Amino acid sequence: MQNIAVVTGASSGIGAATARRLATEGFHVVAVARRADRLAALVDEIGAKSATAVEGDVTSDESVAALAAAVTALGGPVTLLVNNAGGAQGLDPVESGSVADWQWMYDVNVLGTLRVTQALLPALVASGAGTIVTVGSTAAFTVYEGGGGYTAAKHAQNALVGTLRLELSGKPVRVIEVDPGMVRTDEFSLKRFGGDQARADAIYQGVKEPLVADDIADIIAYAATRPQHVNLDRIVVRPIAQAAQHKVHRES
C-alpha cells in the first residue's frame, strides 16, 4: 500500500490542487470535504488507485471520528496530513462584526485543525515518518481593518501549530505551516462576501498575477517530500505584486 496523505477541504481550490499534486508524488490521497459530488469527480480525475473520497465535516466530532476510521481501514501507513479546510466570512469591523461569522471561522480554522490532528496523530506517529502541513495565511501574523474575525482565527491556528511542534519534539512527526498571501481561487473571496461576485473580483482587480491554488499545492508538496530530518517550520508565500498585507501593486 502507498503512503497515505489526508487532505481536508479537498473539494476545491488549494485542497483539490494539493490532492492532485500529491497523487503525482506517489501518495494515496484521502480527499476530505463536505461536498461528496465534487470529491467523486476529483477521485475520478486522479484515479481510484491513487485517491479515496471521504465525505466529512471538520466541525463535527462524529464526522472526524468516521474519517479516522476510514483512513485506518485503508491499511497503509499514514505519513501526511494536510490541514487545509478553512475560510473567511465577512469583512466587517469589530464593532459590528457578526458573532456567528466569528464563531464559524474559529470552528473551521482552529477547532477543525485540532479535531483532525488529534484524530490522525496516533497513525502519523506510528508511521515513523509523519508530517503535518497546516495551511494558514499571512493573516496569521498581520491584522487588517475588517479582518478581525479571520485574523483572530488564523493567529489562533498559528498558536496551535507552534505549540504542537514543541509538544511533538522527539517524536517522528514534522509540523509545517504554509502561510499564503493573495491567492485567487474560485471560492474563497466569493464565500467571504456571501456570493457577491463583484466584491470578490474587486479583491484581485489590477493585480497582474495573484497566486493560484497550484502554486500553494507545489509548495506543500515540496515541504512534504523533503528528507524526514528537514522541517520547514513556516513558509510565507505571496505574489510578487504583494509586498505586504497593505502593499499591493495594481495596474490600471
C-alpha atoms as a PDB file:
ATOM      1  CA  MET A   1       0.000   0.000   0.000  1.00  0.00           C
ATOM      2  CA  GLN A   2       1.222   3.500  -0.816  1.00  0.00           C
ATOM      3  CA  ASN A   3       1.856   6.049   1.881  1.00  0.00           C
ATOM      4  CA  ILE A   4      -1.411   7.782   2.719  1.00  0.00           C
ATOM      5  CA  ALA A   5      -1.874  11.561   2.614  1.00  0.00           C
ATOM      6  CA  VAL A   6      -5.053  13.045   4.064  1.00  0.00           C
ATOM      7  CA  VAL A   7      -6.130  16.413   2.637  1.00  0.00           C
ATOM      8  CA  THR A   8      -9.043  18.317   4.185  1.00  0.00           C
ATOM      9  CA  GLY A   9     -11.036  20.903   2.282  1.00  0.00           C
ATOM     10  CA  ALA A  10     -10.273  18.953  -0.881  1.00  0.00           C
ATOM     11  CA  SER A  11     -13.398  19.702  -2.907  1.00  0.00           C
ATOM     12  CA  SER A  12     -11.996  22.876  -4.496  1.00  0.00           C
ATOM     13  CA  GLY A  13      -9.164  25.413  -4.546  1.00  0.00           C
ATOM     14  CA  ILE A  14      -5.938  24.673  -2.712  1.00  0.00           C
ATOM     15  CA  GLY A  15      -7.217  21.393  -1.310  1.00  0.00           C
ATOM     16  CA  ALA A  16      -8.158  19.930  -4.687  1.00  0.00           C
ATOM     17  CA  ALA A  17      -4.906  21.149  -6.250  1.00  0.00           C
ATOM     18  CA  THR A  18      -2.930  19.611  -3.388  1.00  0.00           C
ATOM     19  CA  ALA A  19      -4.718  16.274  -3.744  1.00  0.00           C
ATOM     20  CA  ARG A  20      -3.861  16.165  -7.447  1.00  0.00           C
ATOM     21  CA  ARG A  21      -0.237  17.094  -6.840  1.00  0.00           C
ATOM     22  CA  LEU A  22       0.343  14.636  -4.002  1.00  0.00           C
ATOM     23  CA  ALA A  23      -1.013  11.819  -6.120  1.00  0.00           C
ATOM     24  CA  THR A  24       1.703  12.570  -8.688  1.00  0.00           C
ATOM     25  CA  GLU A  25       4.243  12.367  -5.844  1.00  0.00           C
ATOM     26  CA  GLY A  26       3.216   8.763  -5.151  1.00  0.00           C
ATOM     27  CA  PHE A  27       0.825   9.201  -2.232  1.00  0.00           C
ATOM     28  CA  HIS A  28      -2.559   7.567  -1.956  1.00  0.00           C
ATOM     29  CA  VAL A  29      -4.626  10.667  -1.252  1.00  0.00           C
ATOM     30  CA  VAL A  30      -7.645  10.652   1.035  1.00  0.00           C
ATOM     31  CA  ALA A  31      -9.636  13.672  -0.147  1.00  0.00           C
ATOM     32  CA  VAL A  32     -11.934  15.021   2.558  1.00  0.00           C
ATOM     33  CA  ALA A  33     -14.719  17.600   2.238  1.00  0.00           C
ATOM     34  CA  ARG A  34     -18.448  18.033   2.732  1.00  0.00           C
ATOM     35  CA  ARG A  35     -19.387  18.025  -0.967  1.00  0.00           C
ATOM     36  CA  ALA A  36     -19.461  14.386  -1.993  1.00  0.00           C
ATOM     37  CA  ASP A  37     -20.188  15.111  -5.651  1.00  0.00           C
ATOM     38  CA  ARG A  38     -17.073  17.229  -6.047  1.00  0.00           C
ATOM     39  CA  LEU A  39     -14.949  14.664  -4.225  1.00  0.00           C
ATOM     40  CA  ALA A  40     -16.238  11.918  -6.503  1.00  0.00           C
ATOM     41  CA  ALA A  41     -15.284  13.943  -9.573  1.00  0.00           C
ATOM     42  CA  LEU A  42     -11.824  14.622  -8.132  1.00  0.00           C
ATOM     43  CA  VAL A  43     -11.193  10.936  -7.422  1.00  0.00           C
ATOM     44  CA  ASP A  44     -12.384  10.037 -10.917  1.00  0.00           C
ATOM     45  CA  GLU A  45      -9.865  12.543 -12.279  1.00  0.00           C
ATOM     46  CA  ILE A  46      -6.970  11.322 -10.129  1.00  0.00           C
ATOM     47  CA  GLY A  47      -7.847   7.639 -10.394  1.00  0.00           C
ATOM     48  CA  ALA A  48      -9.204   5.265  -7.768  1.00  0.00           C
ATOM     49  CA  LYS A  49      -5.828   3.579  -7.305  1.00  0.00           C
ATOM     50  CA  SER A  50      -4.353   6.870  -6.093  1.00  0.00           C
ATOM     51  CA  ALA A  51      -7.247   8.544  -4.286  1.00  0.00           C
ATOM     52  CA  THR A  52     -10.150   7.870  -1.972  1.00  0.00           C
ATOM     53  CA  ALA A  53     -13.017  10.247  -1.252  1.00  0.00           C
ATOM     54  CA  VAL A  54     -14.307  10.636   2.296  1.00  0.00           C
ATOM     55  CA  GLU A  55     -17.260  12.927   2.861  1.00  0.00           C
ATOM     56  CA  GLY A  56     -16.535  14.747   6.109  1.00  0.00           C
ATOM     57  CA  ASP A  57     -17.034  17.914   8.116  1.00  0.00           C
ATOM     58  CA  VAL A  58     -14.125  19.110  10.254  1.00  0.00           C
ATOM     59  CA  THR A  59     -16.557  20.942  12.557  1.00  0.00           C
ATOM     60  CA  SER A  60     -18.158  17.636  13.630  1.00  0.00           C
ATOM     61  CA  ASP A  61     -16.573  15.296  16.178  1.00  0.00           C
ATOM     62  CA  GLU A  62     -18.542  12.352  14.796  1.00  0.00           C
ATOM     63  CA  SER A  63     -17.550  13.106  11.209  1.00  0.00           C
ATOM     64  CA  VAL A  64     -13.858  13.356  12.090  1.00  0.00           C
ATOM     65  CA  ALA A  65     -14.032  10.070  14.016  1.00  0.00           C
ATOM     66  CA  ALA A  66     -15.548   8.443  10.935  1.00  0.00           C
ATOM     67  CA  LEU A  67     -12.735   9.928   8.829  1.00  0.00           C
ATOM     68  CA  ALA A  68     -10.109   8.388  11.097  1.00  0.00           C
ATOM     69  CA  ALA A  69     -11.836   5.013  10.850  1.00  0.00           C
ATOM     70  CA  ALA A  70     -11.998   5.242   7.064  1.00  0.00           C
ATOM     71  CA  VAL A  71      -8.305   6.089   6.849  1.00  0.00           C
ATOM     72  CA  THR A  72      -7.387   3.213   9.156  1.00  0.00           C
ATOM     73  CA  ALA A  73      -9.436   0.819   7.031  1.00  0.00           C
ATOM     74  CA  LEU A  74      -7.238   1.567   4.018  1.00  0.00           C
ATOM     75  CA  GLY A  75      -4.428  -0.278   5.781  1.00  0.00           C
ATOM     76  CA  GLY A  76      -1.459   1.763   4.636  1.00  0.00           C
ATOM     77  CA  PRO A  77       0.894   3.989   6.631  1.00  0.00           C
ATOM     78  CA  VAL A  78      -0.477   7.480   7.238  1.00  0.00           C
ATOM     79  CA  THR A  79       2.522   9.727   6.653  1.00  0.00           C
ATOM     80  CA  LEU A  80       0.977  13.083   5.719  1.00  0.00           C
ATOM     81  CA  LEU A  81      -1.888  15.243   6.927  1.00  0.00           C
ATOM     82  CA  VAL A  82      -2.678  18.500   5.158  1.00  0.00           C
ATOM     83  CA  ASN A  83      -4.967  20.639   7.309  1.00  0.00           C
ATOM     84  CA  ASN A  84      -6.376  22.810   4.550  1.00  0.00           C
ATOM     85  CA  ALA A  85     -10.058  23.199   5.457  1.00  0.00           C
ATOM     86  CA  GLY A  86     -10.757  26.791   6.467  1.00  0.00           C
ATOM     87  CA  GLY A  87     -12.145  30.054   5.252  1.00  0.00           C
ATOM     88  CA  ALA A  88     -13.338  33.557   5.994  1.00  0.00           C
ATOM     89  CA  GLN A  89     -16.758  35.110   6.326  1.00  0.00           C
ATOM     90  CA  GLY A  90     -17.386  38.843   6.190  1.00  0.00           C
ATOM     91  CA  LEU A  91     -15.180  41.904   6.170  1.00  0.00           C
ATOM     92  CA  ASP A  92     -16.882  43.858   8.939  1.00  0.00           C
ATOM     93  CA  PRO A  93     -15.270  45.999  11.642  1.00  0.00           C
ATOM     94  CA  VAL A  94     -15.077  44.626  15.156  1.00  0.00           C
ATOM     95  CA  GLU A  95     -17.812  46.957  16.388  1.00  0.00           C
ATOM     96  CA  SER A  96     -20.388  45.453  14.024  1.00  0.00           C
ATOM     97  CA  GLY A  97     -18.929  42.048  13.177  1.00  0.00           C
ATOM     98  CA  SER A  98     -21.215  39.036  13.232  1.00  0.00           C
ATOM     99  CA  VAL A  99     -20.619  36.777  16.224  1.00  0.00           C
ATOM    100  CA  ALA A 100     -21.914  33.871  14.136  1.00  0.00           C
ATOM    101  CA  ASP A 101     -19.284  34.588  11.454  1.00  0.00           C
ATOM    102  CA  TRP A 102     -16.531  34.767  14.056  1.00  0.00           C
ATOM    103  CA  GLN A 103     -17.688  31.505  15.615  1.00  0.00           C
ATOM    104  CA  TRP A 104     -17.791  29.744  12.250  1.00  0.00           C
ATOM    105  CA  MET A 105     -14.284  30.941  11.364  1.00  0.00           C
ATOM    106  CA  TYR A 106     -12.906  29.770  14.710  1.00  0.00           C
ATOM    107  CA  ASP A 107     -14.621  26.401  14.470  1.00  0.00           C
ATOM    108  CA  VAL A 108     -13.420  25.668  10.938  1.00  0.00           C
ATOM    109  CA  ASN A 109      -9.910  27.132  11.035  1.00  0.00           C
ATOM    110  CA  VAL A 110      -8.905  26.348  14.607  1.00  0.00           C
ATOM    111  CA  LEU A 111     -11.073  23.614  16.065  1.00  0.00           C
ATOM    112  CA  GLY A 112     -11.267  21.842  12.713  1.00  0.00           C
ATOM    113  CA  THR A 113      -7.472  21.694  12.627  1.00  0.00           C
ATOM    114  CA  LEU A 114      -7.475  20.470  16.225  1.00  0.00           C
ATOM    115  CA  ARG A 115     -10.065  17.742  15.645  1.00  0.00           C
ATOM    116  CA  VAL A 116      -8.413  16.251  12.568  1.00  0.00           C
ATOM    117  CA  THR A 117      -4.905  16.483  14.015  1.00  0.00           C
ATOM    118  CA  GLN A 118      -5.947  14.728  17.221  1.00  0.00           C
ATOM    119  CA  ALA A 119      -7.756  12.006  15.289  1.00  0.00           C
ATOM    120  CA  LEU A 120      -4.854  11.182  12.949  1.00  0.00           C
ATOM    121  CA  LEU A 121      -1.855  11.912  15.151  1.00  0.00           C
ATOM    122  CA  PRO A 122      -1.544   8.350  16.522  1.00  0.00           C
ATOM    123  CA  ALA A 123      -1.322   6.996  12.969  1.00  0.00           C
ATOM    124  CA  LEU A 124       1.181   9.669  11.947  1.00  0.00           C
ATOM    125  CA  VAL A 125       3.398   8.796  14.919  1.00  0.00           C
ATOM    126  CA  ALA A 126       3.026   5.073  14.248  1.00  0.00           C
ATOM    127  CA  SER A 127       4.213   5.546  10.660  1.00  0.00           C
ATOM    128  CA  GLY A 128       7.638   6.533  11.970  1.00  0.00           C
ATOM    129  CA  ALA A 129       7.873   9.367   9.445  1.00  0.00           C
ATOM    130  CA  GLY A 130       4.829  11.607   9.730  1.00  0.00           C
ATOM    131  CA  THR A 131       4.285  15.155   8.504  1.00  0.00           C
ATOM    132  CA  ILE A 132       1.542  17.632   9.348  1.00  0.00           C
ATOM    133  CA  VAL A 133       1.153  20.584   6.990  1.00  0.00           C
ATOM    134  CA  THR A 134      -1.320  23.251   8.060  1.00  0.00           C
ATOM    135  CA  VAL A 135      -2.415  25.879   5.570  1.00  0.00           C
ATOM    136  CA  GLY A 136      -2.590  29.179   7.437  1.00  0.00           C
ATOM    137  CA  SER A 137      -2.440  32.678   5.993  1.00  0.00           C
ATOM    138  CA  THR A 138      -0.467  35.878   6.208  1.00  0.00           C
ATOM    139  CA  ALA A 139      -3.456  36.832   8.373  1.00  0.00           C
ATOM    140  CA  ALA A 140      -1.817  34.606  10.996  1.00  0.00           C
ATOM    141  CA  PHE A 141       0.692  37.348  11.765  1.00  0.00           C
ATOM    142  CA  THR A 142      -0.773  40.563  10.312  1.00  0.00           C
ATOM    143  CA  VAL A 143      -4.088  42.193  11.203  1.00  0.00           C
ATOM    144  CA  TYR A 144      -6.070  44.498   8.936  1.00  0.00           C
ATOM    145  CA  GLU A 145      -9.231  46.555   9.112  1.00  0.00           C
ATOM    146  CA  GLY A 146     -12.331  44.427   8.703  1.00  0.00           C
ATOM    147  CA  GLY A 147     -10.379  41.227   9.160  1.00  0.00           C
ATOM    148  CA  GLY A 148     -10.662  40.854  12.928  1.00  0.00           C
ATOM    149  CA  GLY A 149     -12.525  37.562  12.916  1.00  0.00           C
ATOM    150  CA  TYR A 150     -10.369  35.903  10.281  1.00  0.00           C
ATOM    151  CA  THR A 151      -7.056  37.197  11.606  1.00  0.00           C
ATOM    152  CA  ALA A 152      -8.026  36.148  15.145  1.00  0.00           C
ATOM    153  CA  ALA A 153      -8.783  32.636  13.915  1.00  0.00           C
ATOM    154  CA  LYS A 154      -5.587  32.381  11.879  1.00  0.00           C
ATOM    155  CA  HIS A 155      -3.490  33.756  14.756  1.00  0.00           C
ATOM    156  CA  ALA A 156      -5.033  31.062  16.961  1.00  0.00           C
ATOM    157  CA  GLN A 157      -4.352  28.375  14.368  1.00  0.00           C
ATOM    158  CA  ASN A 158      -0.720  29.509  14.255  1.00  0.00           C
ATOM    159  CA  ALA A 159      -0.524  29.218  18.042  1.00  0.00           C
ATOM    160  CA  LEU A 160      -1.900  25.689  17.807  1.00  0.00           C
ATOM    161  CA  VAL A 161       0.689  24.710  15.196  1.00  0.00           C
ATOM    162  CA  GLY A 162       3.602  26.222  17.120  1.00  0.00           C
ATOM    163  CA  THR A 163       2.550  24.548  20.348  1.00  0.00           C
ATOM    164  CA  LEU A 164       2.136  21.195  18.602  1.00  0.00           C
ATOM    165  CA  ARG A 165       5.643  21.405  17.192  1.00  0.00           C
ATOM    166  CA  LEU A 166       7.042  21.891  20.696  1.00  0.00           C
ATOM    167  CA  GLU A 167       4.956  19.081  22.140  1.00  0.00           C
ATOM    168  CA  LEU A 168       5.981  16.613  19.427  1.00  0.00           C
ATOM    169  CA  SER A 169       9.697  17.249  19.888  1.00  0.00           C
ATOM    170  CA  GLY A 170      11.393  13.865  19.956  1.00  0.00           C
ATOM    171  CA  LYS A 171       8.606  12.117  18.042  1.00  0.00           C
ATOM    172  CA  PRO A 172       8.840  11.233  14.332  1.00  0.00           C
ATOM    173  CA  VAL A 173       6.381  13.863  13.112  1.00  0.00           C
ATOM    174  CA  ARG A 174       7.253  17.124  11.375  1.00  0.00           C
ATOM    175  CA  VAL A 175       4.994  20.159  11.832  1.00  0.00           C
ATOM    176  CA  ILE A 176       4.918  22.639   8.947  1.00  0.00           C
ATOM    177  CA  GLU A 177       2.873  25.789   8.377  1.00  0.00           C
ATOM    178  CA  VAL A 178       2.299  27.318   4.947  1.00  0.00           C
ATOM    179  CA  ASP A 179       1.035  30.918   5.073  1.00  0.00           C
ATOM    180  CA  PRO A 180      -0.159  32.229   1.695  1.00  0.00           C
ATOM    181  CA  GLY A 181      -0.938  35.829   0.931  1.00  0.00           C
ATOM    182  CA  MET A 182      -3.141  36.756  -2.034  1.00  0.00           C
ATOM    183  CA  VAL A 183      -4.340  33.558  -3.716  1.00  0.00           C
ATOM    184  CA  ARG A 184      -7.062  33.720  -6.314  1.00  0.00           C
ATOM    185  CA  THR A 185      -9.339  30.679  -6.136  1.00  0.00           C
ATOM    186  CA  ASP A 186     -12.879  30.137  -7.339  1.00  0.00           C
ATOM    187  CA  GLU A 187     -14.482  30.259  -3.911  1.00  0.00           C
ATOM    188  CA  PHE A 188     -12.505  31.885  -1.067  1.00  0.00           C
ATOM    189  CA  SER A 189     -13.464  35.528  -1.597  1.00  0.00           C
ATOM    190  CA  LEU A 190     -16.841  34.636  -3.074  1.00  0.00           C
ATOM    191  CA  LYS A 191     -17.759  32.785   0.103  1.00  0.00           C
ATOM    192  CA  ARG A 192     -16.364  35.560   2.266  1.00  0.00           C
ATOM    193  CA  PHE A 193     -18.724  38.040   0.635  1.00  0.00           C
ATOM    194  CA  GLY A 194     -21.765  35.806   0.668  1.00  0.00           C
ATOM    195  CA  GLY A 195     -21.738  35.113  -3.062  1.00  0.00           C
ATOM    196  CA  ASP A 196     -21.220  38.737  -4.141  1.00  0.00           C
ATOM    197  CA  GLN A 197     -19.140  38.200  -7.272  1.00  0.00           C
ATOM    198  CA  ALA A 198     -18.374  41.904  -7.774  1.00  0.00           C
ATOM    199  CA  ARG A 199     -16.925  42.286  -4.266  1.00  0.00           C
ATOM    200  CA  ALA A 200     -14.939  39.100  -4.673  1.00  0.00           C
ATOM    201  CA  ASP A 201     -13.491  40.197  -8.013  1.00  0.00           C
ATOM    202  CA  ALA A 202     -12.538  43.609  -6.605  1.00  0.00           C
ATOM    203  CA  ILE A 203     -10.020  41.984  -4.245  1.00  0.00           C
ATOM    204  CA  TYR A 204      -7.874  40.985  -7.224  1.00  0.00           C
ATOM    205  CA  GLN A 205      -8.625  43.907  -9.523  1.00  0.00           C
ATOM    206  CA  GLY A 206      -5.473  45.179 -11.230  1.00  0.00           C
ATOM    207  CA  VAL A 207      -3.261  42.506  -9.693  1.00  0.00           C
ATOM    208  CA  LYS A 208      -1.396  41.098 -12.676  1.00  0.00           C
ATOM    209  CA  GLU A 209      -0.566  37.682 -11.272  1.00  0.00           C
ATOM    210  CA  PRO A 210      -2.025  36.708  -7.911  1.00  0.00           C
ATOM    211  CA  LEU A 211      -1.050  33.297  -6.653  1.00  0.00           C
ATOM    212  CA  VAL A 212      -3.240  30.377  -7.703  1.00  0.00           C
ATOM    213  CA  ALA A 213      -4.078  27.108  -5.997  1.00  0.00           C
ATOM    214  CA  ASP A 214      -1.415  25.153  -7.898  1.00  0.00           C
ATOM    215  CA  ASP A 215       1.288  27.472  -6.530  1.00  0.00           C
ATOM    216  CA  ILE A 216       0.372  26.543  -2.964  1.00  0.00           C
ATOM    217  CA  ALA A 217      -0.002  22.862  -3.815  1.00  0.00           C
ATOM    218  CA  ASP A 218       3.519  22.948  -5.242  1.00  0.00           C
ATOM    219  CA  ILE A 219       4.902  24.383  -2.003  1.00  0.00           C
ATOM    220  CA  ILE A 220       3.006  21.877   0.147  1.00  0.00           C
ATOM    221  CA  ALA A 221       4.337  19.004  -1.944  1.00  0.00           C
ATOM    222  CA  TYR A 222       7.875  20.385  -1.782  1.00  0.00           C
ATOM    223  CA  ALA A 223       7.788  20.702   2.012  1.00  0.00           C
ATOM    224  CA  ALA A 224       6.253  17.264   2.466  1.00  0.00           C
ATOM    225  CA  THR A 225       8.777  15.487   0.255  1.00  0.00           C
ATOM    226  CA  ARG A 226      11.985  16.825   1.836  1.00  0.00           C
ATOM    227  CA  PRO A 227      14.102  14.285   3.728  1.00  0.00           C
ATOM    228  CA  GLN A 228      12.386  13.492   7.016  1.00  0.00           C
ATOM    229  CA  HIS A 229      15.025  15.262   9.108  1.00  0.00           C
ATOM    230  CA  VAL A 230      14.286  18.560   7.277  1.00  0.00           C
ATOM    231  CA  ASN A 231      11.455  20.571   8.846  1.00  0.00           C
ATOM    232  CA  LEU A 232      10.351  23.761   7.105  1.00  0.00           C
ATOM    233  CA  ASP A 233       8.678  25.294  10.131  1.00  0.00           C
ATOM    234  CA  ARG A 234       6.917  28.158   8.399  1.00  0.00           C
ATOM    235  CA  ILE A 235       6.692  29.146   4.750  1.00  0.00           C
ATOM    236  CA  VAL A 236       5.305  32.576   3.874  1.00  0.00           C
ATOM    237  CA  VAL A 237       4.392  32.977   0.211  1.00  0.00           C
ATOM    238  CA  ARG A 238       2.942  35.968  -1.610  1.00  0.00           C
ATOM    239  CA  PRO A 239       2.675  37.008  -5.246  1.00  0.00           C
ATOM    240  CA  ILE A 240       5.379  39.426  -6.328  1.00  0.00           C
ATOM    241  CA  ALA A 241       2.687  42.121  -6.579  1.00  0.00           C
ATOM    242  CA  GLN A 242       2.002  41.886  -2.839  1.00  0.00           C
ATOM    243  CA  ALA A 243       4.883  43.257  -0.786  1.00  0.00           C
ATOM    244  CA  ALA A 244       2.842  43.218   2.420  1.00  0.00           C
ATOM    245  CA  GLN A 245      -0.760  42.898   3.556  1.00  0.00           C
ATOM    246  CA  HIS A 246      -1.484  46.555   2.726  1.00  0.00           C
ATOM    247  CA  LYS A 247       1.042  46.971  -0.086  1.00  0.00           C
ATOM    248  CA  VAL A 248      -0.308  45.538  -3.328  1.00  0.00           C
ATOM    249  CA  HIS A 249       0.713  46.778  -6.759  1.00  0.00           C
ATOM    250  CA  ARG A 250      -2.308  47.156  -9.009  1.00  0.00           C
ATOM    251  CA  GLU A 251      -2.108  48.006 -12.703  1.00  0.00           C
ATOM    252  CA  SER A 252      -4.633  50.476 -14.076  1.00  0.00           C
END
